[in-house]
Amino acid sequence: MRVLLISLPFLILAGCTTESPTQPTPVASNANASNAKKMIPDPPPTPYFHETAAAARPLPLTLDPKTFTDPMIRKAYQVAKEIPEILAQQPCYCYCDRSVGHKGLLDCFRDNHSSHCGTCMKEAMLAAKRGDWKTVDLEATTTDH
């Protein structure tokens, strides 16, 4: 009797599984698949940016990097001062085009907006970090957006 009581939990566990091999896996119907797609929201549209450096002219002046004491902010404003044509052709994903009417990432640096926006600063630093932007001739490329 004692052996049966000790073995009983193991026998019960041996019969328990999380899935049944005899149950077929349900296949989603086309109606269910299309409904699932409808539930996924569309991504927001790409923020405004200038297609070419020429289209961004006259380029707005950026604030002097020396205006800021924080080294990270100072560096971001320095980048904007050094590569304004590149930043003018970058969308800003803090979506300030909608809230304050900016027309590209460069506009974020014409006032103190970028000094309190990590998205703007990171995008500028990324543009500076990627050296391959120097070799791209945007005037010769066609973009769709």
N, C-alpha and C. Protein backbone atom coordinates (compact mmCIF):
# COMPACT_ATOMS: atom_id res chain seq x y z
N MET A 1 0.82 -1.18 0.00
CA MET A 1 0.00 0.00 0.00
C MET A 1 0.87 1.26 0.00
N ARG A 2 1.95 1.20 0.83
CA ARG A 2 2.85 2.35 0.92
C ARG A 2 3.52 2.63 -0.43
N VAL A 3 3.93 1.61 -1.15
CA VAL A 3 4.55 1.77 -2.46
C VAL A 3 3.57 2.41 -3.43
N LEU A 4 2.31 2.05 -3.36
CA LEU A 4 1.29 2.62 -4.22
C LEU A 4 1.10 4.11 -3.94
N LEU A 5 1.10 4.51 -2.67
CA LEU A 5 0.93 5.92 -2.32
C LEU A 5 2.12 6.76 -2.78
N ILE A 6 3.33 6.20 -2.68
CA ILE A 6 4.52 6.92 -3.12
C ILE A 6 4.55 6.99 -4.65
N SER A 7 4.12 5.97 -5.34
CA SER A 7 4.15 5.92 -6.80
C SER A 7 3.01 6.68 -7.45
N LEU A 8 1.92 6.91 -6.75
CA LEU A 8 0.74 7.54 -7.33
C LEU A 8 1.03 8.93 -7.92
N PRO A 9 1.74 9.83 -7.22
CA PRO A 9 2.01 11.14 -7.84
C PRO A 9 2.81 11.02 -9.14
N PHE A 10 3.74 10.08 -9.20
CA PHE A 10 4.53 9.91 -10.42
C PHE A 10 3.69 9.37 -11.56
N LEU A 11 2.77 8.49 -11.24
CA LEU A 11 1.88 7.95 -12.27
C LEU A 11 0.95 9.04 -12.80
N ILE A 12 0.48 9.91 -11.92
CA ILE A 12 -0.39 11.00 -12.36
C ILE A 12 0.39 11.96 -13.25
N LEU A 13 1.60 12.32 -12.83
CA LEU A 13 2.42 13.24 -13.60
C LEU A 13 2.81 12.65 -14.95
N ALA A 14 3.04 11.36 -14.99
CA ALA A 14 3.43 10.73 -16.25
C ALA A 14 2.32 10.83 -17.28
N GLY A 15 1.10 10.88 -16.84
CA GLY A 15 -0.03 10.98 -17.75
C GLY A 15 -0.37 12.40 -18.13
N CYS A 16 0.22 13.40 -17.47
CA CYS A 16 -0.08 14.80 -17.73
C CYS A 16 0.89 15.37 -18.75
N THR A 17 0.35 16.04 -19.73
CA THR A 17 1.17 16.77 -20.69
C THR A 17 0.50 18.11 -20.95
N THR A 18 1.25 19.04 -21.48
CA THR A 18 0.69 20.36 -21.76
C THR A 18 -0.02 20.39 -23.11
N GLU A 19 0.26 19.44 -23.96
CA GLU A 19 -0.41 19.42 -25.25
C GLU A 19 -0.78 17.99 -25.60
N SER A 20 -1.83 17.85 -26.32
CA SER A 20 -2.31 16.54 -26.71
C SER A 20 -1.87 16.24 -28.13
N PRO A 21 -1.15 15.13 -28.33
CA PRO A 21 -0.71 14.82 -29.68
C PRO A 21 -1.85 14.41 -30.60
N THR A 22 -3.00 14.09 -30.04
CA THR A 22 -4.11 13.67 -30.88
C THR A 22 -4.98 14.85 -31.32
N GLN A 23 -4.79 16.01 -30.72
CA GLN A 23 -5.58 17.18 -31.09
C GLN A 23 -4.89 17.90 -32.24
N PRO A 24 -5.58 18.12 -33.34
CA PRO A 24 -4.97 18.86 -34.44
C PRO A 24 -4.83 20.34 -34.06
N THR A 25 -3.80 20.97 -34.57
CA THR A 25 -3.59 22.39 -34.35
C THR A 25 -4.53 23.15 -35.27
N PRO A 26 -5.35 24.05 -34.70
CA PRO A 26 -6.29 24.78 -35.57
C PRO A 26 -5.53 25.68 -36.54
N VAL A 27 -6.04 25.76 -37.76
CA VAL A 27 -5.45 26.61 -38.78
C VAL A 27 -6.33 27.84 -38.91
N ALA A 28 -5.72 29.00 -38.92
CA ALA A 28 -6.48 30.24 -39.05
C ALA A 28 -7.10 30.32 -40.43
N SER A 29 -8.34 30.70 -40.46
CA SER A 29 -9.00 30.86 -41.75
C SER A 29 -8.59 32.20 -42.35
N ASN A 30 -8.87 32.37 -43.62
CA ASN A 30 -8.55 33.64 -44.28
C ASN A 30 -9.25 34.81 -43.61
N ALA A 31 -10.49 34.59 -43.15
CA ALA A 31 -11.23 35.67 -42.49
C ALA A 31 -10.52 36.08 -41.20
N ASN A 32 -10.07 35.09 -40.43
CA ASN A 32 -9.36 35.40 -39.19
C ASN A 32 -8.03 36.10 -39.46
N ALA A 33 -7.33 35.67 -40.50
CA ALA A 33 -6.04 36.28 -40.83
C ALA A 33 -6.23 37.73 -41.26
N SER A 34 -7.26 38.00 -42.05
CA SER A 34 -7.47 39.38 -42.48
C SER A 34 -7.91 40.25 -41.32
N ASN A 35 -8.71 39.69 -40.39
CA ASN A 35 -9.09 40.45 -39.21
C ASN A 35 -7.90 40.75 -38.33
N ALA A 36 -6.96 39.81 -38.22
CA ALA A 36 -5.76 40.04 -37.42
C ALA A 36 -4.93 41.16 -38.03
N LYS A 37 -4.85 41.20 -39.36
CA LYS A 37 -4.08 42.26 -40.02
C LYS A 37 -4.72 43.62 -39.78
N LYS A 38 -6.05 43.66 -39.76
CA LYS A 38 -6.74 44.92 -39.54
C LYS A 38 -6.50 45.46 -38.14
N MET A 39 -6.20 44.59 -37.20
CA MET A 39 -6.00 45.02 -35.82
C MET A 39 -4.64 45.66 -35.60
N ILE A 40 -3.70 45.43 -36.51
CA ILE A 40 -2.38 46.02 -36.39
C ILE A 40 -2.45 47.43 -36.95
N PRO A 41 -2.14 48.43 -36.11
CA PRO A 41 -2.25 49.81 -36.61
C PRO A 41 -1.18 50.11 -37.64
N ASP A 42 -1.52 50.99 -38.56
CA ASP A 42 -0.55 51.44 -39.55
C ASP A 42 0.53 52.27 -38.85
N PRO A 43 1.77 52.14 -39.30
CA PRO A 43 2.82 52.98 -38.70
C PRO A 43 2.56 54.45 -39.04
N PRO A 44 3.00 55.34 -38.16
CA PRO A 44 2.80 56.76 -38.47
C PRO A 44 3.59 57.14 -39.72
N PRO A 45 3.13 58.16 -40.43
CA PRO A 45 3.86 58.57 -41.63
C PRO A 45 5.23 59.14 -41.27
N THR A 46 6.13 59.08 -42.23
CA THR A 46 7.47 59.63 -42.04
C THR A 46 7.36 61.12 -41.79
N PRO A 47 8.06 61.63 -40.77
CA PRO A 47 8.04 63.08 -40.53
C PRO A 47 8.62 63.84 -41.72
N TYR A 48 8.30 65.11 -41.79
CA TYR A 48 8.74 65.97 -42.88
C TYR A 48 10.27 66.05 -42.93
N PHE A 49 10.80 66.11 -44.13
CA PHE A 49 12.23 66.37 -44.35
C PHE A 49 12.39 66.89 -45.77
N HIS A 50 13.51 67.53 -46.03
CA HIS A 50 13.79 68.05 -47.36
C HIS A 50 14.39 66.93 -48.21
N GLU A 51 13.93 66.82 -49.43
CA GLU A 51 14.43 65.77 -50.33
C GLU A 51 15.87 66.00 -50.74
N THR A 52 16.27 67.25 -50.86
CA THR A 52 17.64 67.58 -51.26
C THR A 52 18.15 68.71 -50.40
N ALA A 53 19.46 68.88 -50.40
CA ALA A 53 20.05 70.01 -49.68
C ALA A 53 19.61 71.32 -50.31
N ALA A 54 19.49 71.35 -51.63
CA ALA A 54 19.06 72.56 -52.31
C ALA A 54 17.65 72.97 -51.90
N ALA A 55 16.79 71.99 -51.71
CA ALA A 55 15.41 72.29 -51.30
C ALA A 55 15.35 72.87 -49.89
N ALA A 56 16.36 72.63 -49.09
CA ALA A 56 16.39 73.12 -47.71
C ALA A 56 16.92 74.55 -47.61
N ARG A 57 17.47 75.06 -48.71
CA ARG A 57 18.07 76.40 -48.66
C ARG A 57 17.01 77.48 -48.68
N PRO A 58 17.26 78.56 -47.99
CA PRO A 58 18.44 78.83 -47.17
C PRO A 58 18.38 78.01 -45.88
N LEU A 59 19.51 77.43 -45.53
CA LEU A 59 19.59 76.61 -44.34
C LEU A 59 19.45 77.50 -43.10
N PRO A 60 18.66 77.06 -42.13
CA PRO A 60 18.55 77.86 -40.91
C PRO A 60 19.86 77.82 -40.12
N LEU A 61 20.16 78.91 -39.46
CA LEU A 61 21.33 78.93 -38.59
C LEU A 61 21.01 78.17 -37.32
N THR A 62 21.98 77.42 -36.84
CA THR A 62 21.79 76.69 -35.59
C THR A 62 22.34 77.53 -34.45
N LEU A 63 21.89 77.21 -33.23
CA LEU A 63 22.41 77.90 -32.06
C LEU A 63 23.89 77.55 -31.89
N ASP A 64 24.62 78.48 -31.35
CA ASP A 64 26.05 78.29 -31.10
C ASP A 64 26.22 77.19 -30.05
N PRO A 65 27.01 76.17 -30.33
CA PRO A 65 27.23 75.10 -29.35
C PRO A 65 27.74 75.62 -28.01
N LYS A 66 28.48 76.73 -28.02
CA LYS A 66 29.02 77.29 -26.78
C LYS A 66 27.93 77.82 -25.86
N THR A 67 26.73 77.93 -26.37
CA THR A 67 25.59 78.37 -25.56
C THR A 67 25.30 77.39 -24.43
N PHE A 68 25.68 76.14 -24.63
CA PHE A 68 25.31 75.07 -23.71
C PHE A 68 26.50 74.61 -22.88
N THR A 69 26.24 74.28 -21.63
CA THR A 69 27.30 73.80 -20.73
C THR A 69 27.39 72.28 -20.73
N ASP A 70 26.29 71.61 -20.99
CA ASP A 70 26.29 70.14 -21.00
C ASP A 70 27.08 69.66 -22.22
N PRO A 71 28.11 68.82 -22.01
CA PRO A 71 28.95 68.39 -23.14
C PRO A 71 28.20 67.61 -24.21
N MET A 72 27.21 66.83 -23.82
CA MET A 72 26.45 66.05 -24.80
C MET A 72 25.63 66.99 -25.68
N ILE A 73 24.98 67.96 -25.09
CA ILE A 73 24.18 68.92 -25.85
C ILE A 73 25.09 69.76 -26.73
N ARG A 74 26.20 70.17 -26.18
CA ARG A 74 27.16 70.97 -26.95
C ARG A 74 27.63 70.21 -28.18
N LYS A 75 27.93 68.92 -28.01
CA LYS A 75 28.40 68.09 -29.13
C LYS A 75 27.31 67.96 -30.19
N ALA A 76 26.07 67.76 -29.78
CA ALA A 76 24.98 67.62 -30.75
C ALA A 76 24.81 68.91 -31.56
N TYR A 77 24.89 70.05 -30.91
CA TYR A 77 24.77 71.32 -31.63
C TYR A 77 25.99 71.57 -32.52
N GLN A 78 27.14 71.06 -32.11
CA GLN A 78 28.33 71.18 -32.96
C GLN A 78 28.16 70.36 -34.23
N VAL A 79 27.61 69.17 -34.09
CA VAL A 79 27.34 68.32 -35.25
C VAL A 79 26.38 69.04 -36.20
N ALA A 80 25.34 69.64 -35.65
CA ALA A 80 24.37 70.35 -36.50
C ALA A 80 25.04 71.50 -37.24
N LYS A 81 25.97 72.14 -36.60
CA LYS A 81 26.69 73.25 -37.22
C LYS A 81 27.61 72.75 -38.34
N GLU A 82 28.16 71.54 -38.18
CA GLU A 82 29.12 70.99 -39.14
C GLU A 82 28.47 70.33 -40.35
N ILE A 83 27.31 69.70 -40.17
CA ILE A 83 26.68 68.97 -41.28
C ILE A 83 25.22 69.40 -41.47
N PRO A 84 24.97 70.69 -41.65
CA PRO A 84 23.57 71.14 -41.75
C PRO A 84 22.83 70.56 -42.95
N GLU A 85 23.52 70.38 -44.09
CA GLU A 85 22.83 69.84 -45.27
C GLU A 85 22.32 68.43 -45.03
N ILE A 86 23.08 67.67 -44.28
CA ILE A 86 22.69 66.29 -43.99
C ILE A 86 21.49 66.28 -43.05
N LEU A 87 21.55 67.06 -41.97
CA LEU A 87 20.45 67.07 -41.01
C LEU A 87 19.16 67.64 -41.60
N ALA A 88 19.28 68.55 -42.55
CA ALA A 88 18.08 69.10 -43.19
C ALA A 88 17.35 68.02 -43.99
N GLN A 89 18.06 67.01 -44.42
CA GLN A 89 17.47 65.93 -45.22
C GLN A 89 17.07 64.73 -44.37
N GLN A 90 17.12 64.90 -43.05
CA GLN A 90 16.75 63.83 -42.12
C GLN A 90 15.39 64.14 -41.50
N PRO A 91 14.47 63.17 -41.47
CA PRO A 91 13.24 63.38 -40.71
C PRO A 91 13.57 63.32 -39.22
N CYS A 92 12.81 64.01 -38.43
CA CYS A 92 13.02 63.95 -36.97
C CYS A 92 11.89 63.12 -36.37
N TYR A 93 12.27 62.04 -35.72
CA TYR A 93 11.29 61.11 -35.20
C TYR A 93 10.77 61.44 -33.81
N CYS A 94 10.96 62.68 -33.36
CA CYS A 94 10.20 63.13 -32.19
C CYS A 94 8.91 63.78 -32.69
N TYR A 95 8.75 63.80 -34.01
CA TYR A 95 7.56 64.31 -34.69
C TYR A 95 7.29 65.79 -34.39
N CYS A 96 8.37 66.54 -34.26
CA CYS A 96 8.23 67.99 -34.03
C CYS A 96 7.73 68.71 -35.27
N ASP A 97 7.70 68.04 -36.41
CA ASP A 97 7.10 68.66 -37.59
C ASP A 97 5.62 68.92 -37.33
N ARG A 98 5.00 68.09 -36.51
CA ARG A 98 3.58 68.26 -36.19
C ARG A 98 3.35 69.22 -35.03
N SER A 99 4.24 69.17 -34.05
CA SER A 99 4.01 69.99 -32.86
C SER A 99 4.54 71.41 -32.98
N VAL A 100 5.68 71.60 -33.64
CA VAL A 100 6.25 72.96 -33.74
C VAL A 100 6.58 73.38 -35.16
N GLY A 101 6.23 72.55 -36.15
CA GLY A 101 6.39 72.94 -37.54
C GLY A 101 7.78 72.81 -38.12
N HIS A 102 8.63 72.00 -37.50
CA HIS A 102 9.98 71.82 -38.04
C HIS A 102 9.92 71.12 -39.39
N LYS A 103 10.86 71.45 -40.25
CA LYS A 103 10.91 70.91 -41.62
C LYS A 103 12.13 70.03 -41.83
N GLY A 104 12.51 69.29 -40.83
CA GLY A 104 13.67 68.41 -40.90
C GLY A 104 14.45 68.50 -39.60
N LEU A 105 15.38 67.59 -39.42
CA LEU A 105 16.15 67.51 -38.18
C LEU A 105 16.96 68.78 -37.92
N LEU A 106 17.43 69.44 -38.95
CA LEU A 106 18.22 70.65 -38.75
C LEU A 106 17.42 71.73 -38.01
N ASP A 107 16.14 71.83 -38.29
CA ASP A 107 15.31 72.83 -37.61
C ASP A 107 15.29 72.65 -36.10
N CYS A 108 15.52 71.46 -35.62
CA CYS A 108 15.53 71.20 -34.18
C CYS A 108 16.69 71.91 -33.48
N PHE A 109 17.70 72.28 -34.26
CA PHE A 109 18.89 72.90 -33.70
C PHE A 109 18.94 74.42 -33.92
N ARG A 110 17.91 74.97 -34.52
CA ARG A 110 17.89 76.42 -34.72
C ARG A 110 17.45 77.14 -33.46
N ASP A 111 16.85 76.38 -32.53
CA ASP A 111 16.48 76.91 -31.22
C ASP A 111 16.90 75.89 -30.17
N ASN A 112 16.37 75.99 -28.97
CA ASN A 112 16.82 75.07 -27.92
C ASN A 112 16.02 73.77 -27.87
N HIS A 113 15.21 73.51 -28.87
CA HIS A 113 14.40 72.28 -28.90
C HIS A 113 15.25 71.03 -28.66
N SER A 114 16.34 70.90 -29.38
CA SER A 114 17.17 69.69 -29.26
C SER A 114 17.84 69.57 -27.90
N SER A 115 18.02 70.67 -27.23
CA SER A 115 18.72 70.62 -25.94
C SER A 115 17.93 69.85 -24.89
N HIS A 116 16.66 69.67 -25.10
CA HIS A 116 15.86 68.88 -24.16
C HIS A 116 15.13 67.72 -24.85
N CYS A 117 15.64 67.33 -26.02
CA CYS A 117 15.03 66.22 -26.75
C CYS A 117 16.11 65.19 -27.11
N GLY A 118 16.10 64.09 -26.42
CA GLY A 118 17.08 63.04 -26.67
C GLY A 118 16.98 62.45 -28.07
N THR A 119 15.78 62.40 -28.63
CA THR A 119 15.61 61.86 -29.97
C THR A 119 16.38 62.69 -30.98
N CYS A 120 16.23 64.00 -30.91
CA CYS A 120 16.93 64.90 -31.85
C CYS A 120 18.44 64.76 -31.72
N MET A 121 18.91 64.76 -30.48
CA MET A 121 20.36 64.67 -30.27
C MET A 121 20.90 63.33 -30.77
N LYS A 122 20.20 62.25 -30.48
CA LYS A 122 20.67 60.93 -30.92
C LYS A 122 20.69 60.83 -32.44
N GLU A 123 19.67 61.37 -33.09
CA GLU A 123 19.63 61.31 -34.54
C GLU A 123 20.79 62.10 -35.15
N ALA A 124 21.10 63.26 -34.58
CA ALA A 124 22.23 64.06 -35.09
C ALA A 124 23.54 63.32 -34.88
N MET A 125 23.71 62.73 -33.71
CA MET A 125 24.95 62.01 -33.41
C MET A 125 25.09 60.79 -34.32
N LEU A 126 23.98 60.12 -34.60
CA LEU A 126 24.02 58.97 -35.51
C LEU A 126 24.40 59.40 -36.91
N ALA A 127 23.86 60.52 -37.36
CA ALA A 127 24.21 61.02 -38.70
C ALA A 127 25.70 61.34 -38.78
N ALA A 128 26.24 61.88 -37.71
CA ALA A 128 27.67 62.20 -37.70
C ALA A 128 28.53 60.95 -37.60
N LYS A 129 28.05 59.97 -36.87
CA LYS A 129 28.81 58.73 -36.65
C LYS A 129 28.93 57.90 -37.93
N ARG A 130 27.88 57.91 -38.71
CA ARG A 130 27.89 57.13 -39.96
C ARG A 130 28.63 57.90 -41.02
N GLY A 131 29.83 57.49 -41.32
CA GLY A 131 30.64 58.19 -42.31
C GLY A 131 30.19 58.00 -43.73
N ASP A 132 29.36 56.98 -44.01
CA ASP A 132 28.97 56.72 -45.39
C ASP A 132 28.05 57.79 -45.95
N TRP A 133 27.47 58.63 -45.13
CA TRP A 133 26.62 59.70 -45.65
C TRP A 133 27.42 60.64 -46.53
N LYS A 134 28.73 60.71 -46.30
CA LYS A 134 29.57 61.61 -47.08
C LYS A 134 29.65 61.19 -48.54
N THR A 135 29.47 59.91 -48.81
CA THR A 135 29.63 59.41 -50.17
C THR A 135 28.32 59.37 -50.96
N VAL A 136 27.20 59.68 -50.31
CA VAL A 136 25.90 59.61 -50.98
C VAL A 136 25.60 60.94 -51.66
N ASP A 137 25.27 60.87 -52.94
CA ASP A 137 24.89 62.05 -53.68
C ASP A 137 23.36 62.08 -53.74
N LEU A 138 22.76 62.77 -52.81
CA LEU A 138 21.31 62.80 -52.74
C LEU A 138 20.68 63.52 -53.92
N GLU A 139 21.41 64.43 -54.52
CA GLU A 139 20.88 65.15 -55.68
C GLU A 139 20.67 64.19 -56.85
N ALA A 140 21.44 63.11 -56.88
CA ALA A 140 21.37 62.17 -58.00
C ALA A 140 20.44 60.99 -57.72
N THR A 141 19.91 60.89 -56.49
CA THR A 141 19.05 59.77 -56.17
C THR A 141 17.60 60.20 -56.17
N THR A 142 16.74 59.24 -56.35
CA THR A 142 15.31 59.48 -56.31
C THR A 142 14.76 58.79 -55.09
N THR A 143 13.95 59.48 -54.33
CA THR A 143 13.34 58.87 -53.14
C THR A 143 11.83 58.92 -53.26
N ASP A 144 11.21 57.93 -52.69
CA ASP A 144 9.74 57.88 -52.63
C ASP A 144 9.34 57.95 -51.19
N HIS A 145 8.50 58.88 -50.89
CA HIS A 145 7.89 58.94 -49.55
C HIS A 145 6.65 59.79 -49.57
